[in-house]
């Protein structure tokens, strides 16, 4: 009987232990969800990159992320704008554009369609490019953008300057599922913050 009581008491203790830990884990999870919800409510976004601060709103649909190069100490700012729509290949990942600046100077702007793409033309130096059609408000043009890392395209600076001052910005390109259009709403960007971080200002495109 003594052995049986010890077994029963042991089982009760184990059950109480697991219940207490489950309650504690639930409380921690609830706290994390509250914190995440608070951050999102304030217009923030978690950074996908190690060493980069979580993003804050840069106006409109834009997010601003800051980081520092561990070797050079260069201060880096990344502005990101996500499309309003998804491509057929991945309904969970929106195409996006990002503009990267270092130490107050514009460095590069990229377009990430979120799908695997292949170049279809050579550049002036023979570099692989993909031809895209761009709409900036009521202006349409074609560009050959350099193909990067198999799934990204390097945007030209003229398109970047037109984008940051536009109401409508669309990019059409060939994908494995055929021609698709990434639709963006860039209006509302804090252009003063962009000028401070990148020394770049909006400029309407023209055919001249």
Protein backbone atom coordinates (compact mmCIF):
# COMPACT_ATOMS: atom_id res chain seq x y z
CA UNK A 1 0.00 0.00 0.00
CA UNK A 2 2.87 2.36 0.83
CA UNK A 3 4.38 1.78 -2.60
CA UNK A 4 0.99 2.35 -4.27
CA UNK A 5 0.51 5.68 -2.39
CA UNK A 6 3.99 6.78 -3.51
CA UNK A 7 3.11 5.97 -7.15
CA UNK A 8 -0.19 7.86 -6.93
CA UNK A 9 1.43 10.87 -5.26
CA UNK A 10 4.19 10.85 -7.87
CA UNK A 11 1.64 10.86 -10.70
CA UNK A 12 -0.27 13.72 -9.05
CA UNK A 13 2.92 15.76 -8.65
CA UNK A 14 3.87 15.13 -12.27
CA UNK A 15 0.41 16.15 -13.44
CA UNK A 16 0.52 19.36 -11.37
CA UNK A 17 4.02 20.11 -12.68
CA UNK A 18 2.93 19.81 -16.32
CA UNK A 19 -0.20 21.87 -15.69
CA UNK A 20 1.84 24.69 -14.08
CA UNK A 21 4.33 24.66 -16.96
CA UNK A 22 1.53 24.63 -19.53
CA UNK A 23 -0.07 27.65 -17.85
CA UNK A 24 3.28 29.45 -17.74
CA UNK A 25 3.94 28.71 -21.40
CA UNK A 26 0.46 29.94 -22.28
CA UNK A 27 1.06 33.18 -20.39
CA UNK A 28 4.39 33.75 -22.18
CA UNK A 29 2.80 33.06 -25.58
CA UNK A 30 -0.05 35.45 -24.83
CA UNK A 31 2.48 38.12 -23.83
CA UNK A 32 4.39 37.66 -27.08
CA UNK A 33 1.19 37.91 -29.11
CA UNK A 34 0.25 41.11 -27.30
CA UNK A 35 3.69 42.61 -27.99
CA UNK A 36 3.52 41.61 -31.64
CA UNK A 37 0.03 43.02 -31.96
CA UNK A 38 1.14 46.26 -30.33
CA UNK A 39 4.07 46.58 -32.76
CA UNK A 40 1.82 45.97 -35.74
CA UNK A 41 -0.75 48.42 -34.42
CA UNK A 42 1.94 51.08 -34.31
CA UNK A 43 2.77 50.44 -37.98
CA UNK A 44 5.92 48.38 -37.39
CA UNK A 45 7.20 45.29 -39.17
CA UNK A 46 9.66 42.58 -38.21
CA UNK A 47 12.89 42.53 -40.19
CA UNK A 48 13.78 39.30 -42.04
CA UNK A 49 17.51 40.10 -41.84
CA UNK A 50 19.88 39.50 -38.93
CA UNK A 51 21.36 42.70 -37.55
CA UNK A 52 18.65 44.91 -39.02
CA UNK A 53 16.27 46.83 -36.77
CA UNK A 54 12.57 46.15 -37.08
CA UNK A 55 10.88 48.47 -39.52
CA UNK A 56 8.82 51.59 -38.92
CA UNK A 57 6.38 53.31 -41.23
CA UNK A 58 7.96 55.64 -43.79
CA UNK A 59 4.57 56.93 -44.90
CA UNK A 60 1.85 55.29 -46.97
CA UNK A 61 2.61 51.61 -47.56
CA UNK A 62 6.36 52.06 -47.18
CA UNK A 63 8.48 50.61 -44.38
CA UNK A 64 11.92 51.81 -43.29
CA UNK A 65 14.60 49.50 -41.84
CA UNK A 66 17.97 50.56 -40.43
CA UNK A 67 21.19 48.64 -39.85
CA UNK A 68 24.95 49.11 -39.57
CA UNK A 69 27.66 47.27 -41.48
CA UNK A 70 29.62 45.24 -38.91
CA UNK A 71 32.95 45.76 -40.69
CA UNK A 72 32.83 49.28 -42.12
CA UNK A 73 30.34 50.86 -39.73
CA UNK A 74 28.36 52.21 -42.69
CA UNK A 75 24.83 53.25 -41.72
CA UNK A 76 22.36 51.52 -44.00
CA UNK A 77 18.70 52.39 -44.57
CA UNK A 78 16.34 50.14 -46.53
CA UNK A 79 12.96 51.35 -47.77
CA UNK A 80 10.52 48.58 -48.74
CA UNK A 81 7.21 48.71 -50.61
CA UNK A 82 5.09 45.60 -51.11
CA UNK A 83 2.70 45.07 -54.00
CA UNK A 84 -1.06 45.11 -53.61
CA UNK A 85 -1.35 41.70 -55.26
CA UNK A 86 0.24 38.25 -55.37
CA UNK A 87 1.69 36.34 -58.32
CA UNK A 88 0.13 33.00 -59.24
CA UNK A 89 3.17 30.96 -58.16
CA UNK A 90 3.04 32.02 -54.51
CA UNK A 91 -0.16 33.38 -52.90
CA UNK A 92 1.70 33.99 -49.62
CA UNK A 93 4.51 36.24 -50.85
CA UNK A 94 3.84 39.64 -52.39
CA UNK A 95 6.26 41.11 -54.94
CA UNK A 96 8.21 44.03 -53.50
CA UNK A 97 10.65 46.80 -54.30
CA UNK A 98 13.36 48.01 -51.96
CA UNK A 99 15.67 51.00 -52.07
CA UNK A 100 18.97 50.76 -50.17
CA UNK A 101 21.07 53.73 -49.08
CA UNK A 102 24.36 53.96 -47.18
CA UNK A 103 25.76 56.89 -45.21
CA UNK A 104 23.18 59.25 -46.65
CA UNK A 105 23.68 58.24 -50.29
CA UNK A 106 21.52 56.21 -52.67
CA UNK A 107 23.11 52.84 -53.45
CA UNK A 108 20.67 50.57 -55.32
CA UNK A 109 17.01 49.67 -55.81
CA UNK A 110 15.79 46.12 -56.41
CA UNK A 111 12.59 44.47 -57.58
CA UNK A 112 11.80 41.09 -56.05
CA UNK A 113 8.87 39.39 -57.85
CA UNK A 114 8.86 36.49 -55.39
CA UNK A 115 9.17 33.91 -58.19
CA UNK A 116 12.03 32.37 -60.13
CA UNK A 117 12.76 34.37 -63.26
CA UNK A 118 15.12 33.96 -66.19
CA UNK A 119 16.92 36.62 -68.24
CA UNK A 120 15.76 37.08 -71.82
CA UNK A 121 18.29 39.58 -73.20
CA UNK A 122 21.92 40.64 -72.78
CA UNK A 123 22.88 44.07 -71.42
CA UNK A 124 25.41 46.47 -72.96
CA UNK A 125 28.28 44.59 -71.30
CA UNK A 126 26.73 41.19 -71.92
CA UNK A 127 25.25 40.91 -68.43
CA UNK A 128 21.99 38.91 -68.19
CA UNK A 129 18.86 41.07 -68.16
CA UNK A 130 15.11 40.66 -68.13
CA UNK A 131 12.94 43.08 -70.08
CA UNK A 132 10.15 44.66 -68.03
CA UNK A 133 7.37 47.11 -68.79
CA UNK A 134 6.97 49.90 -66.25
CA UNK A 135 4.03 52.19 -65.58
CA UNK A 136 4.57 55.35 -63.51
CA UNK A 137 1.18 57.10 -63.29
CA UNK A 138 0.30 57.75 -66.97
CA UNK A 139 3.83 57.11 -68.28
CA UNK A 140 4.81 53.74 -69.83
CA UNK A 141 8.27 52.54 -70.76
CA UNK A 142 10.38 49.39 -71.23
CA UNK A 143 13.66 48.58 -69.47
CA UNK A 144 16.25 45.83 -69.39
CA UNK A 145 16.99 45.28 -65.70
CA UNK A 146 20.04 43.31 -64.58
CA UNK A 147 19.24 39.82 -63.31
CA UNK A 148 20.51 39.26 -59.74
CA UNK A 149 20.79 36.04 -57.73
CA UNK A 150 18.25 34.25 -59.90
CA UNK A 151 15.14 35.93 -58.50
CA UNK A 152 15.74 39.70 -58.29
CA UNK A 153 16.16 42.56 -60.74
CA UNK A 154 18.20 45.73 -60.29
CA UNK A 155 16.09 48.80 -61.07
CA UNK A 156 17.48 51.85 -62.85
CA UNK A 157 17.74 55.10 -60.89
CA UNK A 158 15.37 56.99 -63.19
CA UNK A 159 12.57 54.51 -62.51
CA UNK A 160 13.33 54.71 -58.79
CA UNK A 161 13.00 58.50 -58.76
CA UNK A 162 9.75 58.29 -60.69
CA UNK A 163 8.38 55.61 -58.35
CA UNK A 164 8.92 57.49 -55.09
CA UNK A 165 6.83 60.43 -56.36
CA UNK A 166 4.09 58.43 -58.10
CA UNK A 167 0.52 57.51 -57.26
CA UNK A 168 0.56 54.36 -59.42
CA UNK A 169 3.56 52.12 -60.06
CA UNK A 170 3.24 48.83 -61.94
CA UNK A 171 5.81 46.34 -63.26
CA UNK A 172 4.92 43.77 -65.94
CA UNK A 173 7.28 40.88 -66.69
CA UNK A 174 7.45 37.33 -67.97
CA UNK A 175 7.29 34.63 -65.29
CA UNK A 176 7.04 30.82 -65.44
CA UNK A 177 3.25 31.30 -65.41
CA UNK A 178 3.26 33.85 -68.22
CA UNK A 179 3.08 37.65 -68.19
CA UNK A 180 2.13 39.05 -64.80
CA UNK A 181 1.83 42.55 -63.33
CA UNK A 182 2.96 43.64 -59.86
CA UNK A 183 0.73 46.54 -58.78
CA UNK A 184 2.05 49.06 -56.23
CA UNK A 185 0.65 52.10 -54.42
CA UNK A 186 3.73 54.23 -53.59
CA UNK A 187 1.84 57.39 -52.62
CA UNK A 188 2.37 58.75 -49.11
CA UNK A 189 6.12 58.11 -48.83
CA UNK A 190 7.91 60.63 -46.62
CA UNK A 191 10.13 62.12 -49.32
CA UNK A 192 11.93 64.34 -46.80
CA UNK A 193 13.09 61.24 -44.93
CA UNK A 194 14.18 59.67 -48.22
CA UNK A 195 16.17 62.80 -49.13
CA UNK A 196 17.85 62.75 -45.72
CA UNK A 197 18.67 59.02 -45.85
CA UNK A 198 19.47 58.69 -49.57
CA UNK A 199 20.03 62.17 -51.02
CA UNK A 200 17.50 61.34 -53.73
CA UNK A 201 14.32 63.20 -54.72
CA UNK A 202 11.29 62.33 -56.86
CA UNK A 203 11.42 63.16 -60.56
CA UNK A 204 8.64 62.69 -63.10
CA UNK A 205 9.76 60.54 -66.04
CA UNK A 206 9.57 61.93 -69.55
CA UNK A 207 10.08 60.67 -73.08
CA UNK A 208 12.82 63.25 -73.76
